[in-house]
């Protein structure tokens, strides 16, 4: 049984990636850059909005200097309209609580974004109070290991006995650099990038408690 379980947020706890990519596609198409969802996942998954802007500019998009705060404002408004949980994830937290295993979230997103999305789910927000760690706010961005090491310290857990739950190669790389086992959530079966970073893929969140030995 792990000493602690550390979760990414977007695409692992909150199903926020579809509306985010929808909004991003709309915005970039107006700036001369048309990308499919598959291309955006390959280019941007697990990164920051700052990195999205940098890559989009390199690809020829007309990205102004004030684009990042502008896009964040639009994204917050879009996510406030509805940010559902990943199916089965609440049961994972219930299983962890029943087993007495602590947990936290480490996300490359902002704290404000997590307040908006997780805040829509009062039971989950209560469970995670004081255990939401933003790589942007803390200046500890994945794929560096710092964010997950920080979360482990906050929980008083030995990093070597922590398990990270990720859906991106960037996050899996951070877990590996932190010396932590990584379970890679891949509901569509797209496992190659996760496997390349040493993650152990799984497709159903409902299977995770058993995989963790709870």
N, C-alpha and C. Protein backbone atom coordinates (compact mmCIF):
# COMPACT_ATOMS: atom_id res chain seq x y z
N UNK A 1 0.85 -1.20 0.00
CA UNK A 1 0.00 0.00 0.00
C UNK A 1 0.88 1.25 0.00
N UNK A 2 0.57 2.24 -0.82
CA UNK A 2 1.43 3.43 -0.88
C UNK A 2 1.34 4.27 0.39
N UNK A 3 2.41 5.05 0.61
CA UNK A 3 2.41 5.98 1.73
C UNK A 3 1.51 7.18 1.45
N UNK A 4 1.38 7.54 0.17
CA UNK A 4 0.50 8.63 -0.25
C UNK A 4 0.28 8.50 -1.75
N UNK A 5 -0.82 9.07 -2.21
CA UNK A 5 -1.12 9.08 -3.64
C UNK A 5 -1.26 10.53 -4.08
N UNK A 6 -0.55 10.90 -5.13
CA UNK A 6 -0.51 12.27 -5.63
C UNK A 6 -1.12 12.30 -7.02
N UNK A 7 -2.12 13.13 -7.20
CA UNK A 7 -2.87 13.19 -8.44
C UNK A 7 -2.54 14.45 -9.24
N UNK A 8 -2.42 14.30 -10.54
CA UNK A 8 -2.57 15.44 -11.42
C UNK A 8 -4.04 15.87 -11.35
N UNK A 9 -4.38 17.04 -11.86
CA UNK A 9 -5.77 17.50 -11.78
C UNK A 9 -6.50 17.32 -13.11
N UNK A 10 -6.11 18.08 -14.13
CA UNK A 10 -6.82 18.08 -15.40
C UNK A 10 -6.63 16.76 -16.14
N UNK A 11 -7.75 16.12 -16.46
CA UNK A 11 -7.69 14.85 -17.16
C UNK A 11 -7.53 13.64 -16.27
N UNK A 12 -7.33 13.88 -14.97
CA UNK A 12 -7.19 12.79 -14.00
C UNK A 12 -8.27 12.87 -12.93
N UNK A 13 -8.49 14.06 -12.42
CA UNK A 13 -9.55 14.28 -11.42
C UNK A 13 -10.73 15.03 -12.06
N UNK A 14 -10.42 16.08 -12.78
CA UNK A 14 -11.43 16.91 -13.45
C UNK A 14 -11.36 16.68 -14.95
N UNK A 15 -12.52 16.47 -15.57
CA UNK A 15 -12.57 16.25 -17.02
C UNK A 15 -12.61 17.60 -17.73
N UNK A 16 -11.53 18.36 -17.56
CA UNK A 16 -11.48 19.74 -18.06
C UNK A 16 -10.79 19.87 -19.41
N UNK A 17 -10.17 18.82 -19.88
CA UNK A 17 -9.41 18.96 -21.12
C UNK A 17 -10.28 19.17 -22.36
N UNK A 18 -11.43 18.47 -22.51
CA UNK A 18 -12.25 18.74 -23.70
C UNK A 18 -12.69 20.20 -23.83
N UNK A 19 -13.27 20.83 -22.78
CA UNK A 19 -13.64 22.25 -22.94
C UNK A 19 -12.43 23.16 -23.13
N UNK A 20 -11.31 22.80 -22.51
CA UNK A 20 -10.10 23.61 -22.68
C UNK A 20 -9.62 23.56 -24.12
N UNK A 21 -9.57 22.37 -24.70
CA UNK A 21 -9.12 22.25 -26.08
C UNK A 21 -10.13 22.84 -27.05
N UNK A 22 -11.42 22.76 -26.74
CA UNK A 22 -12.43 23.40 -27.58
C UNK A 22 -12.19 24.91 -27.64
N UNK A 23 -12.00 25.51 -26.47
CA UNK A 23 -11.76 26.95 -26.40
C UNK A 23 -10.45 27.32 -27.08
N UNK A 24 -9.42 26.50 -26.87
CA UNK A 24 -8.13 26.77 -27.47
C UNK A 24 -8.20 26.70 -28.99
N UNK A 25 -8.92 25.71 -29.52
CA UNK A 25 -9.07 25.59 -30.97
C UNK A 25 -9.77 26.82 -31.54
N UNK A 26 -10.83 27.29 -30.85
CA UNK A 26 -11.54 28.48 -31.30
C UNK A 26 -10.60 29.69 -31.32
N UNK A 27 -9.85 29.85 -30.26
CA UNK A 27 -8.98 31.02 -30.13
C UNK A 27 -7.85 30.99 -31.17
N UNK A 28 -7.18 29.85 -31.28
CA UNK A 28 -6.03 29.78 -32.20
C UNK A 28 -6.45 29.90 -33.65
N UNK A 29 -7.64 29.39 -33.98
CA UNK A 29 -8.10 29.49 -35.37
C UNK A 29 -8.29 30.94 -35.78
N UNK A 30 -8.64 31.79 -34.81
CA UNK A 30 -8.79 33.22 -35.09
C UNK A 30 -7.43 33.92 -35.22
N UNK A 31 -6.38 33.20 -34.85
CA UNK A 31 -5.03 33.77 -34.89
C UNK A 31 -4.17 33.09 -35.96
N UNK A 32 -4.86 32.43 -36.91
CA UNK A 32 -4.16 31.86 -38.05
C UNK A 32 -3.56 30.50 -37.83
N UNK A 33 -3.98 29.80 -36.78
CA UNK A 33 -3.41 28.49 -36.48
C UNK A 33 -4.54 27.49 -36.23
N UNK A 34 -4.69 26.52 -37.11
CA UNK A 34 -5.74 25.51 -36.98
C UNK A 34 -5.11 24.19 -36.57
N UNK A 35 -5.53 23.68 -35.41
CA UNK A 35 -5.00 22.43 -34.89
C UNK A 35 -6.15 21.52 -34.50
N UNK A 36 -6.00 20.23 -34.74
CA UNK A 36 -6.98 19.25 -34.28
C UNK A 36 -6.79 18.97 -32.80
N UNK A 37 -7.78 18.32 -32.18
CA UNK A 37 -7.64 17.95 -30.77
C UNK A 37 -6.45 17.01 -30.58
N UNK A 38 -6.25 16.10 -31.51
CA UNK A 38 -5.12 15.16 -31.40
C UNK A 38 -3.80 15.91 -31.45
N UNK A 39 -3.70 16.91 -32.32
CA UNK A 39 -2.46 17.69 -32.40
C UNK A 39 -2.25 18.51 -31.13
N UNK A 40 -3.33 19.06 -30.59
CA UNK A 40 -3.19 19.84 -29.36
C UNK A 40 -2.79 18.96 -28.19
N UNK A 41 -3.34 17.77 -28.11
CA UNK A 41 -2.93 16.84 -27.05
C UNK A 41 -1.45 16.53 -27.15
N UNK A 42 -0.99 16.27 -28.37
CA UNK A 42 0.43 15.93 -28.56
C UNK A 42 1.32 17.11 -28.20
N UNK A 43 0.90 18.31 -28.54
CA UNK A 43 1.74 19.49 -28.34
C UNK A 43 1.65 20.08 -26.94
N UNK A 44 0.44 20.03 -26.35
CA UNK A 44 0.19 20.84 -25.16
C UNK A 44 -0.14 20.07 -23.90
N UNK A 45 -0.50 18.78 -23.99
CA UNK A 45 -0.99 18.06 -22.82
C UNK A 45 0.04 18.06 -21.69
N UNK A 46 -0.41 18.46 -20.51
CA UNK A 46 0.45 18.47 -19.34
C UNK A 46 1.26 19.74 -19.16
N UNK A 47 1.16 20.66 -20.13
CA UNK A 47 1.93 21.90 -20.05
C UNK A 47 1.15 23.04 -19.43
N UNK A 48 1.71 24.22 -19.50
CA UNK A 48 1.08 25.43 -18.98
C UNK A 48 0.53 26.25 -20.13
N UNK A 49 -0.35 27.21 -19.82
CA UNK A 49 -0.87 28.11 -20.84
C UNK A 49 0.27 28.96 -21.40
N UNK A 50 1.23 29.31 -20.57
CA UNK A 50 2.40 30.05 -21.06
C UNK A 50 3.13 29.25 -22.13
N UNK A 51 3.28 27.96 -21.91
CA UNK A 51 3.97 27.12 -22.88
C UNK A 51 3.12 26.96 -24.14
N UNK A 52 1.80 26.87 -23.98
CA UNK A 52 0.91 26.80 -25.15
C UNK A 52 1.12 28.03 -26.03
N UNK A 53 1.14 29.21 -25.43
CA UNK A 53 1.34 30.44 -26.20
C UNK A 53 2.68 30.46 -26.92
N UNK A 54 3.72 30.00 -26.26
CA UNK A 54 5.06 29.97 -26.86
C UNK A 54 5.08 29.04 -28.08
N UNK A 55 4.53 27.84 -27.92
CA UNK A 55 4.54 26.88 -29.02
C UNK A 55 3.65 27.39 -30.17
N UNK A 56 2.48 27.93 -29.83
CA UNK A 56 1.58 28.44 -30.86
C UNK A 56 2.24 29.55 -31.67
N UNK A 57 2.99 30.40 -30.99
CA UNK A 57 3.71 31.47 -31.69
C UNK A 57 4.78 30.89 -32.61
N UNK A 58 5.50 29.87 -32.12
CA UNK A 58 6.53 29.23 -32.95
C UNK A 58 5.93 28.56 -34.18
N UNK A 59 4.67 28.11 -34.07
CA UNK A 59 3.99 27.46 -35.19
C UNK A 59 3.36 28.45 -36.16
N UNK A 60 3.52 29.73 -35.87
CA UNK A 60 3.02 30.75 -36.79
C UNK A 60 1.76 31.46 -36.35
N UNK A 61 1.25 31.14 -35.17
CA UNK A 61 0.05 31.82 -34.68
C UNK A 61 0.36 33.25 -34.28
N UNK A 62 -0.59 34.13 -34.49
CA UNK A 62 -0.44 35.54 -34.14
C UNK A 62 -0.82 35.71 -32.67
N UNK A 63 0.14 35.41 -31.79
CA UNK A 63 -0.11 35.40 -30.35
C UNK A 63 0.44 36.69 -29.75
N UNK A 64 -0.43 37.58 -29.27
CA UNK A 64 0.05 38.85 -28.70
C UNK A 64 0.71 38.64 -27.34
N UNK A 65 1.41 39.66 -26.88
CA UNK A 65 2.15 39.54 -25.63
C UNK A 65 1.25 39.36 -24.42
N UNK A 66 0.00 39.87 -24.51
CA UNK A 66 -0.91 39.76 -23.37
C UNK A 66 -1.87 38.59 -23.51
N UNK A 67 -1.53 37.61 -24.36
CA UNK A 67 -2.45 36.51 -24.64
C UNK A 67 -2.70 35.62 -23.42
N UNK A 68 -1.67 35.34 -22.63
CA UNK A 68 -1.82 34.39 -21.51
C UNK A 68 -2.89 34.84 -20.53
N UNK A 69 -2.84 36.05 -19.96
CA UNK A 69 -3.92 36.44 -19.04
C UNK A 69 -5.27 36.54 -19.73
N UNK A 70 -5.28 36.94 -21.00
CA UNK A 70 -6.54 37.01 -21.75
C UNK A 70 -7.16 35.62 -21.88
N UNK A 71 -6.33 34.63 -22.24
CA UNK A 71 -6.88 33.29 -22.41
C UNK A 71 -7.29 32.70 -21.07
N UNK A 72 -6.51 32.94 -20.01
CA UNK A 72 -6.90 32.44 -18.69
C UNK A 72 -8.28 32.96 -18.30
N UNK A 73 -8.54 34.25 -18.53
CA UNK A 73 -9.84 34.81 -18.17
C UNK A 73 -10.96 34.09 -18.92
N UNK A 74 -10.75 33.84 -20.21
CA UNK A 74 -11.78 33.14 -20.99
C UNK A 74 -11.92 31.69 -20.52
N UNK A 75 -10.80 31.05 -20.19
CA UNK A 75 -10.83 29.67 -19.75
C UNK A 75 -11.55 29.53 -18.41
N UNK A 76 -11.26 30.42 -17.48
CA UNK A 76 -11.94 30.37 -16.19
C UNK A 76 -13.45 30.49 -16.38
N UNK A 77 -13.86 31.39 -17.27
CA UNK A 77 -15.30 31.57 -17.52
C UNK A 77 -15.90 30.31 -18.13
N UNK A 78 -15.18 29.70 -19.06
CA UNK A 78 -15.69 28.49 -19.71
C UNK A 78 -15.81 27.34 -18.70
N UNK A 79 -14.78 27.15 -17.89
CA UNK A 79 -14.81 26.05 -16.92
C UNK A 79 -15.84 26.28 -15.83
N UNK A 80 -16.12 27.54 -15.51
CA UNK A 80 -17.14 27.83 -14.50
C UNK A 80 -18.52 27.39 -14.96
N UNK A 81 -18.70 27.21 -16.27
CA UNK A 81 -19.98 26.75 -16.80
C UNK A 81 -20.20 25.26 -16.52
N UNK A 82 -19.14 24.55 -16.20
CA UNK A 82 -19.27 23.14 -15.89
C UNK A 82 -17.97 22.39 -16.11
N UNK A 83 -17.49 21.73 -15.06
CA UNK A 83 -16.24 20.95 -15.13
C UNK A 83 -16.49 19.64 -14.40
N UNK A 84 -16.96 18.60 -15.12
CA UNK A 84 -17.32 17.35 -14.45
C UNK A 84 -16.11 16.58 -13.94
N UNK A 85 -16.37 15.70 -13.00
CA UNK A 85 -15.33 14.81 -12.50
C UNK A 85 -15.06 13.71 -13.52
N UNK A 86 -13.84 13.21 -13.53
CA UNK A 86 -13.52 12.00 -14.28
C UNK A 86 -14.36 10.86 -13.70
N UNK A 87 -15.03 10.08 -14.53
CA UNK A 87 -15.88 9.00 -14.02
C UNK A 87 -15.11 8.04 -13.10
N UNK A 88 -15.65 7.81 -11.93
CA UNK A 88 -15.06 6.87 -10.99
C UNK A 88 -14.04 7.45 -10.04
N UNK A 89 -13.64 8.73 -10.23
CA UNK A 89 -12.54 9.24 -9.41
C UNK A 89 -12.97 9.48 -7.97
N UNK A 90 -14.22 9.85 -7.74
CA UNK A 90 -14.65 10.06 -6.35
C UNK A 90 -14.56 8.76 -5.56
N UNK A 91 -14.85 7.64 -6.20
CA UNK A 91 -14.71 6.34 -5.54
C UNK A 91 -13.27 6.04 -5.15
N UNK A 92 -12.32 6.55 -5.94
CA UNK A 92 -10.90 6.37 -5.60
C UNK A 92 -10.58 7.10 -4.30
N UNK A 93 -11.05 8.34 -4.18
CA UNK A 93 -10.80 9.10 -2.95
C UNK A 93 -11.49 8.44 -1.75
N UNK A 94 -12.67 7.91 -1.97
CA UNK A 94 -13.36 7.21 -0.88
C UNK A 94 -12.57 5.99 -0.43
N UNK A 95 -12.00 5.26 -1.40
CA UNK A 95 -11.20 4.08 -1.06
C UNK A 95 -9.93 4.46 -0.32
N UNK A 96 -9.31 5.57 -0.73
CA UNK A 96 -8.11 6.04 -0.03
C UNK A 96 -8.43 6.45 1.40
N UNK A 97 -9.53 7.16 1.57
CA UNK A 97 -9.93 7.55 2.93
C UNK A 97 -10.19 6.32 3.79
N UNK A 98 -10.87 5.33 3.22
CA UNK A 98 -11.18 4.11 3.98
C UNK A 98 -9.92 3.37 4.40
N UNK A 99 -8.89 3.45 3.55
CA UNK A 99 -7.63 2.76 3.84
C UNK A 99 -6.67 3.61 4.67
N UNK A 100 -7.03 4.87 4.89
CA UNK A 100 -6.16 5.76 5.67
C UNK A 100 -4.93 6.22 4.91
N UNK A 101 -5.01 6.26 3.57
CA UNK A 101 -3.88 6.69 2.75
C UNK A 101 -4.07 8.16 2.38
N UNK A 102 -3.14 9.04 2.73
CA UNK A 102 -3.30 10.46 2.39
C UNK A 102 -3.09 10.72 0.91
N UNK A 103 -3.57 11.86 0.45
CA UNK A 103 -3.47 12.20 -0.97
C UNK A 103 -3.45 13.71 -1.14
N UNK A 104 -3.00 14.12 -2.32
CA UNK A 104 -2.95 15.54 -2.66
C UNK A 104 -3.00 15.66 -4.18
N UNK A 105 -3.17 16.89 -4.64
CA UNK A 105 -3.14 17.17 -6.07
C UNK A 105 -1.94 18.07 -6.36
N UNK A 106 -1.21 17.72 -7.42
CA UNK A 106 -0.12 18.55 -7.92
C UNK A 106 -0.37 18.83 -9.39
N UNK A 107 -0.68 20.08 -9.72
CA UNK A 107 -1.08 20.44 -11.07
C UNK A 107 -0.22 21.56 -11.64
N UNK A 108 0.04 21.52 -12.94
CA UNK A 108 0.70 22.63 -13.61
C UNK A 108 -0.26 23.79 -13.85
N UNK A 109 -1.54 23.60 -13.55
CA UNK A 109 -2.51 24.68 -13.65
C UNK A 109 -2.41 25.63 -12.47
N UNK A 110 -3.14 26.72 -12.55
CA UNK A 110 -3.11 27.71 -11.47
C UNK A 110 -4.01 27.27 -10.31
N UNK A 111 -3.75 27.84 -9.16
CA UNK A 111 -4.63 27.59 -8.02
C UNK A 111 -6.03 28.08 -8.29
N UNK A 112 -6.16 29.21 -8.97
CA UNK A 112 -7.48 29.74 -9.30
C UNK A 112 -8.28 28.76 -10.16
N UNK A 113 -7.60 28.13 -11.10
CA UNK A 113 -8.28 27.16 -11.96
C UNK A 113 -8.81 25.99 -11.13
N UNK A 114 -8.02 25.49 -10.21
CA UNK A 114 -8.47 24.38 -9.36
C UNK A 114 -9.60 24.81 -8.44
N UNK A 115 -9.56 26.05 -7.95
CA UNK A 115 -10.67 26.55 -7.13
C UNK A 115 -11.97 26.53 -7.92
N UNK A 116 -11.90 26.91 -9.21
CA UNK A 116 -13.09 26.96 -10.05
C UNK A 116 -13.61 25.56 -10.35
N UNK A 117 -12.72 24.66 -10.72
CA UNK A 117 -13.17 23.33 -11.15
C UNK A 117 -13.50 22.43 -9.98
N UNK A 118 -12.58 22.27 -9.04
CA UNK A 118 -12.83 21.40 -7.90
C UNK A 118 -13.90 22.00 -7.00
N UNK A 119 -13.96 23.33 -6.97
CA UNK A 119 -14.96 23.99 -6.15
C UNK A 119 -16.39 23.68 -6.56
N UNK A 120 -16.60 23.18 -7.77
CA UNK A 120 -17.93 22.79 -8.22
C UNK A 120 -18.40 21.47 -7.59
N UNK A 121 -17.50 20.80 -6.88
CA UNK A 121 -17.78 19.49 -6.29
C UNK A 121 -17.49 19.57 -4.80
N UNK A 122 -18.45 20.01 -4.00
CA UNK A 122 -18.20 20.30 -2.58
C UNK A 122 -17.60 19.15 -1.79
N UNK A 123 -18.04 17.93 -2.06
CA UNK A 123 -17.50 16.79 -1.31
C UNK A 123 -16.01 16.62 -1.60
N UNK A 124 -15.66 16.75 -2.87
CA UNK A 124 -14.25 16.62 -3.24
C UNK A 124 -13.44 17.79 -2.71
N UNK A 125 -13.99 19.00 -2.81
CA UNK A 125 -13.28 20.18 -2.30
C UNK A 125 -12.99 20.05 -0.81
N UNK A 126 -13.93 19.49 -0.08
CA UNK A 126 -13.73 19.28 1.36
C UNK A 126 -12.58 18.31 1.61
N UNK A 127 -12.57 17.22 0.86
CA UNK A 127 -11.51 16.22 1.02
C UNK A 127 -10.13 16.79 0.71
N UNK A 128 -10.07 17.72 -0.24
CA UNK A 128 -8.78 18.22 -0.73
C UNK A 128 -8.37 19.56 -0.12
N UNK A 129 -9.11 20.01 0.86
CA UNK A 129 -8.78 21.29 1.47
C UNK A 129 -7.35 21.28 2.02
N UNK A 130 -6.57 22.26 1.59
CA UNK A 130 -5.18 22.36 2.03
C UNK A 130 -4.24 21.42 1.32
N UNK A 131 -4.74 20.69 0.32
CA UNK A 131 -3.90 19.70 -0.37
C UNK A 131 -3.92 19.90 -1.89
N UNK A 132 -4.10 21.15 -2.31
CA UNK A 132 -4.05 21.50 -3.73
C UNK A 132 -2.78 22.30 -3.98
N UNK A 133 -1.89 21.77 -4.80
CA UNK A 133 -0.61 22.41 -5.03
C UNK A 133 -0.47 22.77 -6.52
N UNK A 134 -0.29 24.06 -6.78
CA UNK A 134 -0.18 24.57 -8.14
C UNK A 134 1.28 24.80 -8.52
N UNK A 135 1.70 24.16 -9.59
CA UNK A 135 3.06 24.35 -10.06
C UNK A 135 3.32 25.78 -10.52
N UNK A 136 2.30 26.41 -11.11
CA UNK A 136 2.43 27.80 -11.55
C UNK A 136 2.63 28.70 -10.33
N UNK A 137 1.75 28.55 -9.35
CA UNK A 137 1.81 29.43 -8.17
C UNK A 137 3.08 29.20 -7.36
N UNK A 138 3.50 27.94 -7.26
CA UNK A 138 4.69 27.62 -6.46
C UNK A 138 5.98 27.73 -7.25
N UNK A 139 5.85 27.99 -8.56
CA UNK A 139 7.02 28.02 -9.45
C UNK A 139 7.80 26.71 -9.39
N UNK A 140 7.02 25.62 -9.46
CA UNK A 140 7.57 24.26 -9.46
C UNK A 140 6.89 23.48 -10.57
N UNK A 141 7.26 23.75 -11.79
CA UNK A 141 6.53 23.19 -12.93
C UNK A 141 7.07 21.82 -13.33
N UNK A 142 6.16 20.90 -13.61
CA UNK A 142 6.54 19.64 -14.23
C UNK A 142 7.07 19.96 -15.64
N UNK A 143 8.04 19.19 -16.14
CA UNK A 143 8.47 17.86 -15.73
C UNK A 143 9.53 17.81 -14.63
N UNK A 144 9.90 18.94 -14.04
CA UNK A 144 10.79 18.89 -12.88
C UNK A 144 10.07 18.15 -11.74
N UNK A 145 10.82 17.51 -10.85
CA UNK A 145 10.19 16.71 -9.78
C UNK A 145 9.70 17.51 -8.60
N UNK A 146 10.03 18.81 -8.55
CA UNK A 146 9.83 19.61 -7.34
C UNK A 146 8.40 19.61 -6.81
N UNK A 147 7.42 19.70 -7.72
CA UNK A 147 6.04 19.81 -7.28
C UNK A 147 5.60 18.56 -6.54
N UNK A 148 5.91 17.40 -7.08
CA UNK A 148 5.51 16.16 -6.42
C UNK A 148 6.31 15.93 -5.14
N UNK A 149 7.56 16.33 -5.12
CA UNK A 149 8.34 16.22 -3.88
C UNK A 149 7.77 17.15 -2.81
N UNK A 150 7.35 18.33 -3.22
CA UNK A 150 6.72 19.28 -2.29
C UNK A 150 5.43 18.70 -1.71
N UNK A 151 4.62 18.09 -2.58
CA UNK A 151 3.36 17.50 -2.11
C UNK A 151 3.62 16.36 -1.14
N UNK A 152 4.62 15.53 -1.44
CA UNK A 152 4.95 14.43 -0.54
C UNK A 152 5.39 14.95 0.82
N UNK A 153 6.22 15.99 0.82
CA UNK A 153 6.65 16.57 2.10
C UNK A 153 5.46 17.12 2.89
N UNK A 154 4.53 17.75 2.18
CA UNK A 154 3.36 18.32 2.85
C UNK A 154 2.52 17.24 3.52
N UNK A 155 2.54 16.05 2.96
CA UNK A 155 1.79 14.93 3.54
C UNK A 155 2.63 14.12 4.52
N UNK A 156 3.89 14.45 4.65
CA UNK A 156 4.77 13.70 5.54
C UNK A 156 5.06 12.30 5.03
N UNK A 157 5.08 12.13 3.71
CA UNK A 157 5.25 10.81 3.10
C UNK A 157 6.62 10.67 2.44
N UNK A 158 7.18 9.49 2.54
CA UNK A 158 8.44 9.16 1.88
C UNK A 158 8.20 9.16 0.37
N UNK A 159 8.90 9.99 -0.41
CA UNK A 159 8.68 10.03 -1.85
C UNK A 159 8.80 8.67 -2.52
N UNK A 160 9.72 7.85 -2.04
CA UNK A 160 9.92 6.54 -2.65
C UNK A 160 8.72 5.62 -2.48
N UNK A 161 7.83 5.96 -1.55
CA UNK A 161 6.64 5.14 -1.31
C UNK A 161 5.35 5.82 -1.77
N UNK A 162 5.51 6.90 -2.55
CA UNK A 162 4.35 7.60 -3.11
C UNK A 162 4.04 7.07 -4.50
N UNK A 163 2.77 7.16 -4.88
CA UNK A 163 2.33 6.82 -6.23
C UNK A 163 1.70 8.06 -6.84
N UNK A 164 2.08 8.34 -8.07
CA UNK A 164 1.53 9.48 -8.81
C UNK A 164 0.54 8.97 -9.86
N UNK A 165 -0.58 9.69 -10.01
CA UNK A 165 -1.57 9.37 -11.02
C UNK A 165 -1.55 10.48 -12.07
N UNK A 166 -1.17 10.14 -13.29
CA UNK A 166 -0.97 11.12 -14.34
C UNK A 166 -1.62 10.68 -15.64
N UNK A 167 -1.84 11.64 -16.53
CA UNK A 167 -2.33 11.30 -17.86
C UNK A 167 -1.43 11.84 -18.96
N UNK A 168 -0.34 12.53 -18.60
CA UNK A 168 0.54 13.12 -19.60
C UNK A 168 1.97 12.62 -19.43
N UNK A 169 2.71 12.65 -20.54
CA UNK A 169 4.13 12.29 -20.49
C UNK A 169 4.90 13.27 -19.61
N UNK A 170 4.51 14.54 -19.66
CA UNK A 170 5.18 15.56 -18.84
C UNK A 170 5.07 15.23 -17.36
N UNK A 171 3.87 14.88 -16.93
CA UNK A 171 3.66 14.54 -15.53
C UNK A 171 4.33 13.24 -15.14
N UNK A 172 4.29 12.26 -16.05
CA UNK A 172 4.95 10.98 -15.77
C UNK A 172 6.46 11.17 -15.63
N UNK A 173 7.01 12.08 -16.43
CA UNK A 173 8.45 12.37 -16.34
C UNK A 173 8.77 13.00 -14.99
N UNK A 174 7.88 13.87 -14.52
CA UNK A 174 8.09 14.48 -13.20
C UNK A 174 8.07 13.43 -12.10
N UNK A 175 7.13 12.50 -12.20
CA UNK A 175 7.05 11.43 -11.20
C UNK A 175 8.31 10.58 -11.20
N UNK A 176 8.77 10.24 -12.39
CA UNK A 176 9.98 9.42 -12.49
C UNK A 176 11.18 10.15 -11.89
N UNK A 177 11.28 11.46 -12.19
CA UNK A 177 12.39 12.26 -11.65
C UNK A 177 12.32 12.35 -10.13
N UNK A 178 11.10 12.27 -9.59
CA UNK A 178 10.93 12.33 -8.13
C UNK A 178 11.15 10.97 -7.48
N UNK A 179 11.38 9.94 -8.28
CA UNK A 179 11.58 8.59 -7.74
C UNK A 179 10.30 7.93 -7.30
N UNK A 180 9.18 8.32 -7.93
CA UNK A 180 7.88 7.80 -7.53
C UNK A 180 7.30 6.89 -8.61
N UNK A 181 6.58 5.88 -8.18
CA UNK A 181 5.84 5.04 -9.11
C UNK A 181 4.74 5.88 -9.75
N UNK A 182 4.51 5.67 -11.04
CA UNK A 182 3.48 6.44 -11.75
C UNK A 182 2.49 5.51 -12.42
N UNK A 183 1.22 5.73 -12.15
CA UNK A 183 0.13 5.06 -12.84
C UNK A 183 -0.41 6.02 -13.89
N UNK A 184 -0.46 5.58 -15.14
CA UNK A 184 -0.85 6.45 -16.23
C UNK A 184 -2.28 6.22 -16.67
N UNK A 185 -3.14 7.20 -16.41
CA UNK A 185 -4.55 7.09 -16.78
C UNK A 185 -4.70 7.33 -18.28
N UNK A 186 -5.15 6.30 -19.01
CA UNK A 186 -5.25 6.36 -20.46
C UNK A 186 -6.57 5.75 -20.91
N UNK A 187 -7.68 6.47 -20.73
CA UNK A 187 -8.99 5.89 -21.03
C UNK A 187 -9.21 5.59 -22.51
N UNK A 188 -8.46 6.27 -23.39
CA UNK A 188 -8.63 6.02 -24.82
C UNK A 188 -7.64 4.99 -25.35
N UNK A 189 -6.78 4.48 -24.47
CA UNK A 189 -5.81 3.49 -24.90
C UNK A 189 -4.54 4.06 -25.48
N UNK A 190 -4.38 5.38 -25.43
CA UNK A 190 -3.17 6.02 -25.94
C UNK A 190 -2.08 5.94 -24.87
N UNK A 191 -1.31 4.86 -24.90
CA UNK A 191 -0.38 4.58 -23.80
C UNK A 191 1.09 4.78 -24.16
N UNK A 192 1.43 4.96 -25.43
CA UNK A 192 2.84 4.94 -25.84
C UNK A 192 3.66 6.00 -25.12
N UNK A 193 3.14 7.24 -25.06
CA UNK A 193 3.90 8.32 -24.43
C UNK A 193 4.07 8.07 -22.93
N UNK A 194 3.05 7.51 -22.29
CA UNK A 194 3.15 7.20 -20.87
C UNK A 194 4.14 6.08 -20.62
N UNK A 195 4.06 5.04 -21.43
CA UNK A 195 5.00 3.92 -21.28
C UNK A 195 6.44 4.38 -21.46
N UNK A 196 6.65 5.30 -22.39
CA UNK A 196 8.01 5.79 -22.65
C UNK A 196 8.60 6.50 -21.43
N UNK A 197 7.74 7.00 -20.54
CA UNK A 197 8.21 7.69 -19.34
C UNK A 197 8.16 6.80 -18.10
N UNK A 198 7.90 5.51 -18.32
CA UNK A 198 7.94 4.57 -17.21
C UNK A 198 6.64 4.43 -16.44
N UNK A 199 5.55 5.00 -16.95
CA UNK A 199 4.26 4.89 -16.27
C UNK A 199 3.62 3.54 -16.54
N UNK A 200 2.74 3.15 -15.64
CA UNK A 200 1.98 1.90 -15.78
C UNK A 200 0.55 2.27 -16.19
N UNK A 201 0.18 2.08 -17.46
CA UNK A 201 -1.12 2.55 -17.92
C UNK A 201 -2.29 1.74 -17.36
N UNK A 202 -3.41 2.44 -17.18
CA UNK A 202 -4.68 1.79 -16.86
C UNK A 202 -5.77 2.61 -17.51
N UNK A 203 -6.91 1.98 -17.79
CA UNK A 203 -7.94 2.63 -18.60
C UNK A 203 -9.18 3.05 -17.83
N UNK A 204 -9.43 2.45 -16.66
CA UNK A 204 -10.65 2.73 -15.91
C UNK A 204 -10.30 3.19 -14.50
N UNK A 205 -10.79 4.37 -14.13
CA UNK A 205 -10.49 4.88 -12.80
C UNK A 205 -11.02 3.94 -11.72
N UNK A 206 -12.11 3.23 -12.02
CA UNK A 206 -12.67 2.30 -11.04
C UNK A 206 -11.72 1.17 -10.71
N UNK A 207 -10.74 0.92 -11.60
CA UNK A 207 -9.77 -0.15 -11.35
C UNK A 207 -8.62 0.30 -10.44
N UNK A 208 -8.49 1.60 -10.24
CA UNK A 208 -7.30 2.11 -9.54
C UNK A 208 -7.17 1.64 -8.10
N UNK A 209 -8.23 1.62 -7.30
CA UNK A 209 -8.04 1.13 -5.93
C UNK A 209 -7.42 -0.26 -5.86
N UNK A 210 -7.86 -1.16 -6.73
CA UNK A 210 -7.28 -2.51 -6.75
C UNK A 210 -5.83 -2.49 -7.18
N UNK A 211 -5.51 -1.64 -8.17
CA UNK A 211 -4.12 -1.54 -8.65
C UNK A 211 -3.20 -0.98 -7.57
N UNK A 212 -3.76 -0.17 -6.68
CA UNK A 212 -2.98 0.40 -5.58
C UNK A 212 -2.92 -0.50 -4.37
N UNK A 213 -3.62 -1.62 -4.41
CA UNK A 213 -3.61 -2.57 -3.29
C UNK A 213 -4.45 -2.12 -2.12
N UNK A 214 -5.47 -1.32 -2.39
CA UNK A 214 -6.33 -0.84 -1.30
C UNK A 214 -7.36 -1.88 -0.90
